[in-house]
């Protein structure tokens, strides 16, 4: 078993282990091989201090410890809680890999602007970008939604999280490409820039049980 000291999350599932011994619980814990089995384990005995969690290393950087990536599915890690009260066992159950994309956009609303006005604005924006003006500043100036305050940065997203025309255009372009996207049925029109290369990111599912020391 690997020994690892991590900074713990704030857990609130403190209760008694009177009904089961440490060995009983740990033997059942070792047999868990899926999220479904972990849920069953958690539900069948509420006296067991445990939790099921999912982390995305790419986006959950404030909570994620990169040392977890050193271990394989099925590995059990043992460490002491940050308050030194609990011995904690963490088991990696599964990891799902997905491609993540990141873009910035300038949104133009066809409910407030005519198509002619939108086309004129997009042409103007593209010319200003071509002369070296920053996408961030132009998004703050022109974009017609709250994301303008962030300079148009959409953050990381995966396939299936955006409307299809937008998603298809993003996937078909490379980093630093600037292009137009139309979603006429929703009256949404965009100037988009791919700001990062696509990144493969895992969702790591794990379970924790903890005992009084």
N, C-alpha and C. Protein backbone atom coordinates (compact mmCIF):
# COMPACT_ATOMS: atom_id res chain seq x y z
N UNK A 1 0.85 -1.20 0.00
CA UNK A 1 0.00 0.00 0.00
C UNK A 1 0.88 1.25 0.00
N UNK A 2 0.51 2.20 -0.79
CA UNK A 2 1.27 3.44 -0.85
C UNK A 2 0.92 4.34 0.35
N UNK A 3 1.89 5.05 0.83
CA UNK A 3 1.68 5.99 1.93
C UNK A 3 1.73 7.39 1.38
N UNK A 4 0.74 8.17 1.61
CA UNK A 4 0.69 9.49 1.01
C UNK A 4 -0.02 10.44 1.95
N UNK A 5 0.55 11.63 2.12
CA UNK A 5 -0.08 12.65 2.94
C UNK A 5 -0.63 13.73 2.03
N UNK A 6 -1.90 13.96 2.09
CA UNK A 6 -2.58 14.95 1.28
C UNK A 6 -3.32 15.91 2.19
N UNK A 7 -3.63 17.07 1.66
CA UNK A 7 -4.50 18.00 2.38
C UNK A 7 -5.93 17.55 2.16
N UNK A 8 -6.64 17.29 3.21
CA UNK A 8 -7.99 16.74 3.10
C UNK A 8 -9.03 17.80 2.79
N UNK A 9 -10.10 17.36 2.13
CA UNK A 9 -11.30 18.17 2.01
C UNK A 9 -11.97 18.28 3.39
N UNK A 10 -12.89 19.21 3.50
CA UNK A 10 -13.64 19.30 4.75
C UNK A 10 -14.73 18.24 4.73
N UNK A 11 -14.62 17.28 5.62
CA UNK A 11 -15.61 16.21 5.66
C UNK A 11 -16.53 16.40 6.87
N UNK A 12 -17.77 16.03 6.68
CA UNK A 12 -18.74 16.21 7.76
C UNK A 12 -19.44 14.90 8.13
N UNK A 13 -18.93 13.79 7.60
CA UNK A 13 -19.61 12.52 7.82
C UNK A 13 -19.07 11.80 9.06
N UNK A 14 -18.98 12.48 10.21
CA UNK A 14 -18.38 11.89 11.39
C UNK A 14 -19.44 11.08 12.16
N UNK A 15 -19.19 9.77 12.35
CA UNK A 15 -20.12 8.92 13.09
C UNK A 15 -19.37 7.75 13.69
N UNK A 16 -20.06 6.85 14.36
CA UNK A 16 -19.43 5.76 15.11
C UNK A 16 -19.20 4.53 14.24
N UNK A 17 -18.17 3.75 14.58
CA UNK A 17 -17.90 2.50 13.91
C UNK A 17 -18.27 1.29 14.77
N UNK A 18 -19.14 1.51 15.72
CA UNK A 18 -19.47 0.46 16.68
C UNK A 18 -20.03 -0.79 16.01
N UNK A 19 -20.79 -0.63 14.93
CA UNK A 19 -21.47 -1.76 14.33
C UNK A 19 -20.55 -2.66 13.52
N UNK A 20 -19.40 -2.15 13.08
CA UNK A 20 -18.49 -2.96 12.28
C UNK A 20 -17.06 -2.70 12.70
N UNK A 21 -16.25 -3.75 12.63
CA UNK A 21 -14.85 -3.58 12.95
C UNK A 21 -14.12 -2.97 11.77
N UNK A 22 -12.94 -2.49 12.03
CA UNK A 22 -12.09 -1.93 10.97
C UNK A 22 -11.87 -2.97 9.87
N UNK A 23 -11.54 -4.20 10.25
CA UNK A 23 -11.24 -5.25 9.27
C UNK A 23 -12.45 -5.56 8.40
N UNK A 24 -13.64 -5.59 8.99
CA UNK A 24 -14.86 -5.86 8.22
C UNK A 24 -15.06 -4.81 7.13
N UNK A 25 -14.95 -3.56 7.55
CA UNK A 25 -15.17 -2.46 6.61
C UNK A 25 -14.10 -2.47 5.53
N UNK A 26 -12.86 -2.65 5.93
CA UNK A 26 -11.76 -2.56 4.97
C UNK A 26 -11.83 -3.69 3.95
N UNK A 27 -12.23 -4.88 4.36
CA UNK A 27 -12.36 -6.00 3.42
C UNK A 27 -13.41 -5.71 2.36
N UNK A 28 -14.53 -5.12 2.77
CA UNK A 28 -15.56 -4.74 1.80
C UNK A 28 -15.07 -3.63 0.88
N UNK A 29 -14.37 -2.68 1.46
CA UNK A 29 -13.83 -1.55 0.72
C UNK A 29 -12.87 -2.02 -0.38
N UNK A 30 -12.02 -2.99 -0.07
CA UNK A 30 -11.05 -3.49 -1.03
C UNK A 30 -11.71 -4.13 -2.25
N UNK A 31 -12.93 -4.65 -2.08
CA UNK A 31 -13.61 -5.35 -3.17
C UNK A 31 -14.27 -4.40 -4.17
N UNK A 32 -14.38 -3.13 -3.83
CA UNK A 32 -15.07 -2.17 -4.70
C UNK A 32 -14.26 -1.93 -5.98
N UNK A 33 -14.93 -2.07 -7.14
CA UNK A 33 -14.26 -1.90 -8.43
C UNK A 33 -14.99 -0.95 -9.37
N UNK A 34 -16.09 -0.36 -8.92
CA UNK A 34 -16.85 0.54 -9.78
C UNK A 34 -17.57 1.58 -8.92
N UNK A 35 -18.01 2.67 -9.58
CA UNK A 35 -18.78 3.70 -8.87
C UNK A 35 -20.08 3.12 -8.36
N UNK A 36 -20.70 2.24 -9.15
CA UNK A 36 -21.95 1.61 -8.74
C UNK A 36 -21.77 0.83 -7.45
N UNK A 37 -20.69 0.04 -7.36
CA UNK A 37 -20.42 -0.72 -6.14
C UNK A 37 -20.13 0.21 -4.97
N UNK A 38 -19.47 1.33 -5.24
CA UNK A 38 -19.18 2.29 -4.18
C UNK A 38 -20.45 2.89 -3.61
N UNK A 39 -21.41 3.19 -4.49
CA UNK A 39 -22.69 3.75 -4.04
C UNK A 39 -23.44 2.75 -3.16
N UNK A 40 -23.44 1.47 -3.58
CA UNK A 40 -24.09 0.43 -2.78
C UNK A 40 -23.43 0.32 -1.41
N UNK A 41 -22.10 0.32 -1.41
CA UNK A 41 -21.33 0.25 -0.16
C UNK A 41 -21.70 1.40 0.77
N UNK A 42 -21.82 2.59 0.21
CA UNK A 42 -22.10 3.78 1.01
C UNK A 42 -23.51 3.75 1.58
N UNK A 43 -24.46 3.25 0.80
CA UNK A 43 -25.86 3.31 1.21
C UNK A 43 -26.26 2.22 2.19
N UNK A 44 -25.60 1.07 2.13
CA UNK A 44 -26.10 -0.06 2.92
C UNK A 44 -25.79 0.05 4.41
N UNK A 45 -24.83 0.90 4.75
CA UNK A 45 -24.52 1.07 6.17
C UNK A 45 -24.11 2.51 6.41
N UNK A 46 -25.03 3.29 6.94
CA UNK A 46 -24.79 4.73 7.13
C UNK A 46 -23.86 5.01 8.31
N UNK A 47 -23.46 3.97 9.05
CA UNK A 47 -22.51 4.19 10.14
C UNK A 47 -21.07 4.28 9.63
N UNK A 48 -20.85 3.96 8.37
CA UNK A 48 -19.51 4.00 7.80
C UNK A 48 -19.20 5.41 7.30
N UNK A 49 -18.12 5.98 7.76
CA UNK A 49 -17.70 7.30 7.31
C UNK A 49 -17.06 7.17 5.93
N UNK A 50 -17.75 7.61 4.91
CA UNK A 50 -17.19 7.47 3.57
C UNK A 50 -17.78 8.52 2.64
N UNK A 51 -17.15 8.69 1.51
CA UNK A 51 -17.63 9.63 0.51
C UNK A 51 -17.15 9.21 -0.86
N UNK A 52 -17.94 9.53 -1.88
CA UNK A 52 -17.59 9.23 -3.28
C UNK A 52 -17.39 10.57 -3.98
N UNK A 53 -16.29 10.70 -4.69
CA UNK A 53 -15.94 12.00 -5.27
C UNK A 53 -15.48 11.84 -6.71
N UNK A 54 -15.60 12.93 -7.46
CA UNK A 54 -15.09 12.98 -8.83
C UNK A 54 -14.31 14.27 -8.99
N UNK A 55 -13.11 14.16 -9.51
CA UNK A 55 -12.27 15.33 -9.74
C UNK A 55 -11.82 15.37 -11.19
N UNK A 56 -11.72 16.59 -11.72
CA UNK A 56 -11.15 16.80 -13.05
C UNK A 56 -9.86 17.60 -12.86
N UNK A 57 -8.71 16.96 -13.02
CA UNK A 57 -7.44 17.65 -12.76
C UNK A 57 -7.28 18.96 -13.52
N UNK A 58 -7.83 19.04 -14.72
CA UNK A 58 -7.67 20.24 -15.53
C UNK A 58 -8.41 21.42 -14.94
N UNK A 59 -9.62 21.19 -14.43
CA UNK A 59 -10.47 22.29 -13.99
C UNK A 59 -10.59 22.41 -12.47
N UNK A 60 -10.31 21.33 -11.74
CA UNK A 60 -10.44 21.35 -10.29
C UNK A 60 -9.08 21.53 -9.62
N UNK A 61 -8.29 22.45 -10.13
CA UNK A 61 -6.91 22.59 -9.67
C UNK A 61 -6.82 23.01 -8.21
N UNK A 62 -7.82 23.68 -7.68
CA UNK A 62 -7.75 24.13 -6.29
C UNK A 62 -7.95 22.98 -5.31
N UNK A 63 -8.59 21.90 -5.78
CA UNK A 63 -8.86 20.77 -4.91
C UNK A 63 -8.04 19.53 -5.26
N UNK A 64 -7.42 19.54 -6.41
CA UNK A 64 -6.77 18.34 -6.92
C UNK A 64 -5.31 18.27 -6.53
N UNK A 65 -4.87 17.11 -6.06
CA UNK A 65 -3.46 16.89 -5.79
C UNK A 65 -2.87 16.06 -6.93
N UNK A 66 -1.91 16.58 -7.69
CA UNK A 66 -1.39 15.86 -8.86
C UNK A 66 -0.74 14.53 -8.54
N UNK A 67 -0.41 14.29 -7.25
CA UNK A 67 0.17 13.00 -6.88
C UNK A 67 -0.77 11.83 -7.19
N UNK A 68 -2.08 12.12 -7.27
CA UNK A 68 -3.04 11.06 -7.58
C UNK A 68 -2.78 10.44 -8.94
N UNK A 69 -2.21 11.21 -9.87
CA UNK A 69 -1.98 10.70 -11.21
C UNK A 69 -0.88 9.64 -11.24
N UNK A 70 -0.15 9.50 -10.15
CA UNK A 70 0.91 8.50 -10.10
C UNK A 70 0.36 7.10 -9.85
N UNK A 71 -0.89 7.01 -9.47
CA UNK A 71 -1.46 5.74 -9.06
C UNK A 71 -2.41 5.20 -10.12
N UNK A 72 -2.63 3.89 -10.04
CA UNK A 72 -3.48 3.22 -11.01
C UNK A 72 -4.87 2.95 -10.43
N UNK A 73 -5.82 2.70 -11.34
CA UNK A 73 -7.16 2.34 -10.90
C UNK A 73 -7.07 1.08 -10.04
N UNK A 74 -7.73 1.12 -8.88
CA UNK A 74 -7.70 0.01 -7.95
C UNK A 74 -6.72 0.20 -6.81
N UNK A 75 -5.76 1.13 -6.98
CA UNK A 75 -4.82 1.40 -5.89
C UNK A 75 -5.53 2.00 -4.69
N UNK A 76 -5.06 1.65 -3.51
CA UNK A 76 -5.59 2.23 -2.27
C UNK A 76 -4.48 3.04 -1.61
N UNK A 77 -4.77 4.27 -1.30
CA UNK A 77 -3.82 5.16 -0.64
C UNK A 77 -4.22 5.34 0.82
N UNK A 78 -3.24 5.42 1.68
CA UNK A 78 -3.51 5.65 3.11
C UNK A 78 -2.81 6.93 3.53
N UNK A 79 -3.52 7.80 4.25
CA UNK A 79 -2.89 9.01 4.76
C UNK A 79 -3.64 9.49 6.00
N UNK A 80 -3.05 10.46 6.66
CA UNK A 80 -3.62 11.02 7.88
C UNK A 80 -4.30 12.34 7.55
N UNK A 81 -5.48 12.56 8.12
CA UNK A 81 -6.20 13.80 7.88
C UNK A 81 -5.40 14.99 8.38
N UNK A 82 -5.68 16.15 7.82
CA UNK A 82 -4.92 17.36 8.16
C UNK A 82 -5.04 17.73 9.63
N UNK A 83 -6.13 17.29 10.29
CA UNK A 83 -6.28 17.57 11.72
C UNK A 83 -5.75 16.44 12.60
N UNK A 84 -5.14 15.42 11.95
CA UNK A 84 -4.51 14.27 12.64
C UNK A 84 -5.50 13.44 13.44
N UNK A 85 -6.79 13.56 13.16
CA UNK A 85 -7.80 12.80 13.90
C UNK A 85 -8.12 11.47 13.22
N UNK A 86 -8.05 11.43 11.89
CA UNK A 86 -8.51 10.28 11.14
C UNK A 86 -7.40 9.64 10.31
N UNK A 87 -7.47 8.30 10.22
CA UNK A 87 -6.72 7.57 9.21
C UNK A 87 -7.65 7.39 8.02
N UNK A 88 -7.21 7.83 6.87
CA UNK A 88 -8.08 7.86 5.69
C UNK A 88 -7.55 6.88 4.64
N UNK A 89 -8.48 6.14 4.03
CA UNK A 89 -8.14 5.27 2.92
C UNK A 89 -8.86 5.78 1.68
N UNK A 90 -8.11 5.98 0.63
CA UNK A 90 -8.66 6.49 -0.62
C UNK A 90 -8.42 5.46 -1.71
N UNK A 91 -9.46 5.14 -2.46
CA UNK A 91 -9.34 4.15 -3.54
C UNK A 91 -9.75 4.77 -4.86
N UNK A 92 -8.87 4.67 -5.86
CA UNK A 92 -9.21 5.13 -7.20
C UNK A 92 -10.07 4.07 -7.87
N UNK A 93 -11.27 4.48 -8.28
CA UNK A 93 -12.25 3.53 -8.81
C UNK A 93 -12.26 3.51 -10.34
N UNK A 94 -12.25 4.70 -10.95
CA UNK A 94 -12.30 4.75 -12.41
C UNK A 94 -11.79 6.10 -12.89
N UNK A 95 -11.47 6.17 -14.17
CA UNK A 95 -11.03 7.43 -14.78
C UNK A 95 -11.55 7.47 -16.21
N UNK A 96 -12.25 8.53 -16.55
CA UNK A 96 -12.80 8.70 -17.89
C UNK A 96 -12.08 9.84 -18.59
N UNK A 97 -11.62 9.60 -19.80
CA UNK A 97 -10.85 10.60 -20.54
C UNK A 97 -11.74 11.29 -21.57
N UNK A 98 -11.60 12.62 -21.68
CA UNK A 98 -12.36 13.39 -22.66
C UNK A 98 -11.50 14.55 -23.16
N UNK A 99 -11.80 15.00 -24.39
CA UNK A 99 -11.09 16.14 -24.96
C UNK A 99 -11.75 17.43 -24.51
N UNK A 100 -10.93 18.39 -24.09
CA UNK A 100 -11.42 19.69 -23.64
C UNK A 100 -10.93 20.78 -24.58
N UNK A 101 -11.80 21.76 -24.82
CA UNK A 101 -11.51 22.86 -25.73
C UNK A 101 -11.66 24.18 -24.98
N UNK A 102 -10.94 25.19 -25.46
CA UNK A 102 -11.06 26.51 -24.84
C UNK A 102 -10.98 27.59 -25.91
N UNK A 103 -11.95 28.49 -25.88
CA UNK A 103 -12.03 29.57 -26.86
C UNK A 103 -12.44 30.86 -26.16
N UNK A 104 -12.27 31.95 -26.89
CA UNK A 104 -12.88 33.23 -26.50
C UNK A 104 -13.84 33.62 -27.61
N UNK A 105 -14.89 34.38 -27.25
CA UNK A 105 -15.86 34.75 -28.27
C UNK A 105 -16.38 36.16 -28.05
N UNK A 106 -16.90 36.72 -29.12
CA UNK A 106 -17.64 37.98 -29.09
C UNK A 106 -19.05 37.65 -29.58
N UNK A 107 -20.03 37.89 -28.73
CA UNK A 107 -21.42 37.52 -29.03
C UNK A 107 -22.19 38.73 -29.53
N UNK A 108 -22.89 38.53 -30.64
CA UNK A 108 -23.74 39.58 -31.21
C UNK A 108 -25.17 39.05 -31.30
N UNK A 109 -26.09 39.80 -30.74
CA UNK A 109 -27.47 39.35 -30.55
C UNK A 109 -28.36 39.85 -31.69
N UNK A 110 -28.90 38.92 -32.47
CA UNK A 110 -29.75 39.25 -33.60
C UNK A 110 -31.13 39.76 -33.18
N UNK A 111 -31.44 39.67 -31.89
CA UNK A 111 -32.70 40.25 -31.41
C UNK A 111 -32.56 41.76 -31.20
N UNK A 112 -31.32 42.23 -31.14
CA UNK A 112 -31.07 43.66 -30.93
C UNK A 112 -30.41 44.32 -32.13
N UNK A 113 -29.77 43.49 -32.96
CA UNK A 113 -29.09 44.00 -34.14
C UNK A 113 -29.62 43.29 -35.38
N UNK A 114 -29.67 43.98 -36.50
CA UNK A 114 -30.05 43.34 -37.75
C UNK A 114 -28.88 42.50 -38.25
N UNK A 115 -29.16 41.60 -39.19
CA UNK A 115 -28.09 40.79 -39.76
C UNK A 115 -27.07 41.65 -40.48
N UNK A 116 -27.53 42.73 -41.09
CA UNK A 116 -26.62 43.65 -41.77
C UNK A 116 -25.68 44.33 -40.77
N UNK A 117 -26.25 44.74 -39.64
CA UNK A 117 -25.43 45.37 -38.60
C UNK A 117 -24.41 44.37 -38.02
N UNK A 118 -24.86 43.15 -37.84
CA UNK A 118 -23.96 42.12 -37.32
C UNK A 118 -22.81 41.87 -38.28
N UNK A 119 -23.12 41.78 -39.57
CA UNK A 119 -22.07 41.53 -40.55
C UNK A 119 -21.07 42.69 -40.59
N UNK A 120 -21.57 43.89 -40.51
CA UNK A 120 -20.69 45.06 -40.51
C UNK A 120 -19.79 45.06 -39.27
N UNK A 121 -20.38 44.73 -38.12
CA UNK A 121 -19.60 44.69 -36.89
C UNK A 121 -18.53 43.59 -36.95
N UNK A 122 -18.89 42.42 -37.45
CA UNK A 122 -17.92 41.33 -37.50
C UNK A 122 -16.77 41.67 -38.46
N UNK A 123 -17.10 42.34 -39.55
CA UNK A 123 -16.05 42.77 -40.47
C UNK A 123 -15.11 43.77 -39.80
N UNK A 124 -15.70 44.70 -39.06
CA UNK A 124 -14.89 45.70 -38.34
C UNK A 124 -14.01 45.04 -37.29
N UNK A 125 -14.60 44.13 -36.53
CA UNK A 125 -13.86 43.43 -35.48
C UNK A 125 -12.70 42.63 -36.08
N UNK A 126 -12.97 41.93 -37.17
CA UNK A 126 -11.92 41.11 -37.80
C UNK A 126 -10.78 42.00 -38.30
N UNK A 127 -11.08 43.14 -38.88
CA UNK A 127 -10.04 44.05 -39.35
C UNK A 127 -9.20 44.55 -38.19
N UNK A 128 -9.85 44.88 -37.09
CA UNK A 128 -9.10 45.36 -35.91
C UNK A 128 -8.23 44.26 -35.32
N UNK A 129 -8.71 43.04 -35.33
CA UNK A 129 -7.90 41.92 -34.87
C UNK A 129 -6.70 41.71 -35.78
N UNK A 130 -6.92 41.85 -37.07
CA UNK A 130 -5.83 41.66 -38.05
C UNK A 130 -4.73 42.71 -37.90
N UNK A 131 -5.08 43.87 -37.34
CA UNK A 131 -4.07 44.92 -37.14
C UNK A 131 -3.36 44.78 -35.80
N UNK A 132 -3.74 43.75 -35.02
CA UNK A 132 -3.01 43.47 -33.79
C UNK A 132 -3.74 43.82 -32.50
N UNK A 133 -4.95 44.32 -32.57
CA UNK A 133 -5.69 44.60 -31.34
C UNK A 133 -6.05 43.30 -30.63
N UNK A 134 -6.13 43.35 -29.32
CA UNK A 134 -6.36 42.13 -28.56
C UNK A 134 -7.82 41.70 -28.61
N UNK A 135 -8.02 40.39 -28.68
CA UNK A 135 -9.38 39.84 -28.68
C UNK A 135 -10.08 40.20 -27.38
N UNK A 136 -9.34 40.15 -26.28
CA UNK A 136 -9.92 40.45 -24.97
C UNK A 136 -10.53 41.84 -24.93
N UNK A 137 -9.79 42.84 -25.42
CA UNK A 137 -10.30 44.21 -25.39
C UNK A 137 -11.51 44.39 -26.30
N UNK A 138 -11.47 43.75 -27.46
CA UNK A 138 -12.60 43.88 -28.39
C UNK A 138 -13.83 43.15 -27.85
N UNK A 139 -13.62 42.05 -27.15
CA UNK A 139 -14.76 41.36 -26.53
C UNK A 139 -15.42 42.25 -25.47
N UNK A 140 -14.60 42.93 -24.69
CA UNK A 140 -15.14 43.84 -23.68
C UNK A 140 -15.90 45.00 -24.33
N UNK A 141 -15.47 45.39 -25.50
CA UNK A 141 -16.11 46.51 -26.20
C UNK A 141 -17.39 46.11 -26.91
N UNK A 142 -17.42 44.93 -27.53
CA UNK A 142 -18.52 44.59 -28.43
C UNK A 142 -19.45 43.48 -27.94
N UNK A 143 -18.94 42.52 -27.17
CA UNK A 143 -19.74 41.34 -26.86
C UNK A 143 -20.98 41.70 -26.06
N UNK A 144 -22.10 41.07 -26.39
CA UNK A 144 -23.40 41.46 -25.86
C UNK A 144 -23.93 40.48 -24.80
N UNK A 145 -23.02 39.92 -24.01
CA UNK A 145 -23.47 39.12 -22.86
C UNK A 145 -22.48 39.30 -21.72
N UNK A 146 -22.76 38.67 -20.58
CA UNK A 146 -21.94 38.87 -19.39
C UNK A 146 -20.51 38.41 -19.53
N UNK A 147 -20.25 37.53 -20.50
CA UNK A 147 -18.89 37.03 -20.68
C UNK A 147 -17.94 38.11 -21.19
N UNK A 148 -18.49 39.24 -21.60
CA UNK A 148 -17.66 40.36 -22.05
C UNK A 148 -16.71 40.81 -20.94
N UNK A 149 -17.18 40.72 -19.68
CA UNK A 149 -16.35 41.14 -18.55
C UNK A 149 -15.09 40.29 -18.41
N UNK A 150 -15.15 39.06 -18.93
CA UNK A 150 -13.98 38.18 -18.87
C UNK A 150 -13.18 38.22 -20.16
N UNK A 151 -13.44 39.22 -20.97
CA UNK A 151 -12.72 39.33 -22.23
C UNK A 151 -13.10 38.25 -23.22
N UNK A 152 -14.29 37.69 -23.04
CA UNK A 152 -14.79 36.68 -23.97
C UNK A 152 -14.36 35.26 -23.66
N UNK A 153 -13.53 35.05 -22.64
CA UNK A 153 -13.01 33.71 -22.35
C UNK A 153 -14.14 32.79 -21.89
N UNK A 154 -14.32 31.69 -22.62
CA UNK A 154 -15.39 30.76 -22.30
C UNK A 154 -14.97 29.72 -21.28
N UNK A 155 -13.67 29.54 -21.09
CA UNK A 155 -13.19 28.48 -20.20
C UNK A 155 -13.20 27.13 -20.91
N UNK A 156 -12.82 26.09 -20.17
CA UNK A 156 -12.72 24.76 -20.75
C UNK A 156 -14.10 24.12 -20.87
N UNK A 157 -14.32 23.43 -21.97
CA UNK A 157 -15.58 22.69 -22.14
C UNK A 157 -15.32 21.43 -22.96
N UNK A 158 -16.23 20.47 -22.83
CA UNK A 158 -16.11 19.20 -23.54
C UNK A 158 -17.19 19.09 -24.60
N UNK A 159 -17.00 18.17 -25.51
CA UNK A 159 -17.97 17.91 -26.56
C UNK A 159 -19.31 17.57 -25.94
N UNK A 160 -20.37 18.18 -26.47
CA UNK A 160 -21.71 17.95 -25.96
C UNK A 160 -22.20 19.02 -25.03
N UNK A 161 -21.33 19.96 -24.65
CA UNK A 161 -21.72 21.01 -23.71
C UNK A 161 -22.15 22.29 -24.41
N UNK A 162 -21.86 22.43 -25.69
CA UNK A 162 -22.23 23.62 -26.46
C UNK A 162 -23.20 23.25 -27.58
N UNK A 163 -23.87 24.25 -28.12
CA UNK A 163 -24.76 23.98 -29.24
C UNK A 163 -23.93 23.46 -30.41
N UNK A 164 -24.51 22.62 -31.25
CA UNK A 164 -23.76 21.89 -32.27
C UNK A 164 -23.02 22.77 -33.26
N UNK A 165 -23.63 23.85 -33.80
CA UNK A 165 -22.87 24.66 -34.77
C UNK A 165 -21.62 25.28 -34.16
N UNK A 166 -21.74 25.72 -32.90
CA UNK A 166 -20.60 26.31 -32.20
C UNK A 166 -19.53 25.26 -31.96
N UNK A 167 -19.95 24.13 -31.44
CA UNK A 167 -19.02 23.04 -31.12
C UNK A 167 -18.30 22.53 -32.37
N UNK A 168 -19.05 22.34 -33.44
CA UNK A 168 -18.47 21.84 -34.69
C UNK A 168 -17.41 22.79 -35.23
N UNK A 169 -17.69 24.09 -35.15
CA UNK A 169 -16.73 25.08 -35.64
C UNK A 169 -15.47 25.09 -34.79
N UNK A 170 -15.63 25.00 -33.48
CA UNK A 170 -14.46 24.99 -32.59
C UNK A 170 -13.57 23.79 -32.88
N UNK A 171 -14.17 22.62 -33.00
CA UNK A 171 -13.40 21.40 -33.22
C UNK A 171 -12.66 21.43 -34.55
N UNK A 172 -13.24 22.09 -35.55
CA UNK A 172 -12.64 22.10 -36.89
C UNK A 172 -11.55 23.14 -37.06
N UNK A 173 -11.32 23.97 -36.04
CA UNK A 173 -10.30 25.01 -36.14
C UNK A 173 -9.14 24.75 -35.18
N UNK A 174 -8.02 25.42 -35.46
CA UNK A 174 -6.80 25.25 -34.68
C UNK A 174 -6.59 26.45 -33.75
N UNK A 175 -5.61 26.32 -32.87
CA UNK A 175 -5.27 27.39 -31.96
C UNK A 175 -4.94 28.67 -32.73
N UNK A 176 -5.48 29.79 -32.24
CA UNK A 176 -5.30 31.14 -32.80
C UNK A 176 -6.13 31.41 -34.05
N UNK A 177 -6.87 30.42 -34.55
CA UNK A 177 -7.80 30.69 -35.65
C UNK A 177 -8.91 31.62 -35.17
N UNK A 178 -9.30 32.56 -36.03
CA UNK A 178 -10.42 33.47 -35.75
C UNK A 178 -11.46 33.26 -36.85
N UNK A 179 -12.70 33.08 -36.45
CA UNK A 179 -13.73 32.70 -37.42
C UNK A 179 -15.10 33.13 -36.90
N UNK A 180 -16.10 33.04 -37.79
CA UNK A 180 -17.48 33.41 -37.45
C UNK A 180 -18.31 32.14 -37.25
N UNK A 181 -19.24 32.20 -36.30
CA UNK A 181 -20.19 31.10 -36.07
C UNK A 181 -21.59 31.68 -36.02
N UNK A 182 -22.50 31.07 -36.76
CA UNK A 182 -23.89 31.50 -36.79
C UNK A 182 -24.78 30.41 -36.19
N UNK A 183 -25.69 30.83 -35.31
CA UNK A 183 -26.72 29.93 -34.79
C UNK A 183 -28.05 30.64 -35.04
N UNK A 184 -28.50 30.68 -36.29
CA UNK A 184 -29.65 31.53 -36.67
C UNK A 184 -30.95 31.19 -35.96
N UNK A 185 -31.16 29.89 -35.64
CA UNK A 185 -32.42 29.52 -34.98
C UNK A 185 -32.53 30.15 -33.59
N UNK A 186 -31.40 30.48 -32.98
CA UNK A 186 -31.40 31.14 -31.68
C UNK A 186 -31.06 32.63 -31.77
N UNK A 187 -30.76 33.08 -32.99
CA UNK A 187 -30.38 34.47 -33.26
C UNK A 187 -29.08 34.84 -32.56
N UNK A 188 -28.16 33.86 -32.53
CA UNK A 188 -26.84 34.06 -31.93
C UNK A 188 -25.79 34.11 -33.03
N UNK A 189 -24.93 35.10 -32.95
CA UNK A 189 -23.86 35.25 -33.95
C UNK A 189 -22.57 35.58 -33.21
N UNK A 190 -21.48 34.96 -33.65
CA UNK A 190 -20.23 35.03 -32.89
C UNK A 190 -19.02 35.34 -33.77
N UNK A 191 -18.05 35.98 -33.13
CA UNK A 191 -16.66 35.97 -33.60
C UNK A 191 -15.92 35.14 -32.56
N UNK A 192 -15.19 34.12 -33.01
CA UNK A 192 -14.59 33.16 -32.08
C UNK A 192 -13.09 33.04 -32.36
N UNK A 193 -12.34 32.84 -31.27
CA UNK A 193 -10.91 32.57 -31.39
C UNK A 193 -10.56 31.36 -30.53
N UNK A 194 -9.91 30.36 -31.13
CA UNK A 194 -9.41 29.22 -30.38
C UNK A 194 -8.15 29.66 -29.63
N UNK A 195 -8.20 29.63 -28.32
CA UNK A 195 -7.10 30.18 -27.52
C UNK A 195 -6.14 29.14 -26.97
N UNK A 196 -6.51 27.87 -27.01
CA UNK A 196 -5.64 26.79 -26.51
C UNK A 196 -5.73 25.59 -27.45
N UNK A 197 -4.69 24.78 -27.43
CA UNK A 197 -4.77 23.48 -28.09
C UNK A 197 -5.72 22.60 -27.29
N UNK A 198 -6.46 21.70 -27.94
CA UNK A 198 -7.30 20.76 -27.19
C UNK A 198 -6.46 19.95 -26.21
N UNK A 199 -7.03 19.66 -25.04
CA UNK A 199 -6.32 18.93 -24.00
C UNK A 199 -7.15 17.73 -23.57
N UNK A 200 -6.47 16.60 -23.43
CA UNK A 200 -7.12 15.41 -22.89
C UNK A 200 -7.13 15.51 -21.37
N UNK A 201 -8.30 15.39 -20.80
CA UNK A 201 -8.44 15.51 -19.35
C UNK A 201 -9.22 14.32 -18.80
N UNK A 202 -8.82 13.85 -17.65
CA UNK A 202 -9.50 12.74 -17.01
C UNK A 202 -10.45 13.21 -15.92
N UNK A 203 -11.56 12.51 -15.80
CA UNK A 203 -12.38 12.63 -14.61
C UNK A 203 -12.05 11.43 -13.73
N UNK A 204 -11.49 11.69 -12.57
CA UNK A 204 -11.06 10.62 -11.67
C UNK A 204 -12.12 10.41 -10.60
N UNK A 205 -12.67 9.21 -10.54
CA UNK A 205 -13.66 8.86 -9.53
C UNK A 205 -12.98 8.07 -8.43
N UNK A 206 -13.21 8.47 -7.19
CA UNK A 206 -12.58 7.77 -6.09
C UNK A 206 -13.49 7.76 -4.87
N UNK A 207 -13.17 6.88 -3.96
CA UNK A 207 -13.96 6.74 -2.73
C UNK A 207 -13.02 6.84 -1.54
N UNK A 208 -13.50 7.45 -0.47
CA UNK A 208 -12.74 7.55 0.77
C UNK A 208 -13.53 6.93 1.92
N UNK A 209 -12.82 6.24 2.79
CA UNK A 209 -13.37 5.87 4.09
C UNK A 209 -12.36 6.32 5.13
N UNK A 210 -12.84 6.70 6.30
CA UNK A 210 -11.92 7.17 7.33
C UNK A 210 -12.34 6.71 8.73
N UNK A 211 -11.31 6.49 9.55
CA UNK A 211 -11.48 5.92 10.88
C UNK A 211 -10.83 6.82 11.91
N UNK A 212 -11.37 6.84 13.11
CA UNK A 212 -10.71 7.51 14.22
C UNK A 212 -9.37 6.84 14.47
N UNK A 213 -8.35 7.65 14.72
CA UNK A 213 -7.01 7.09 14.98
C UNK A 213 -6.93 6.54 16.40
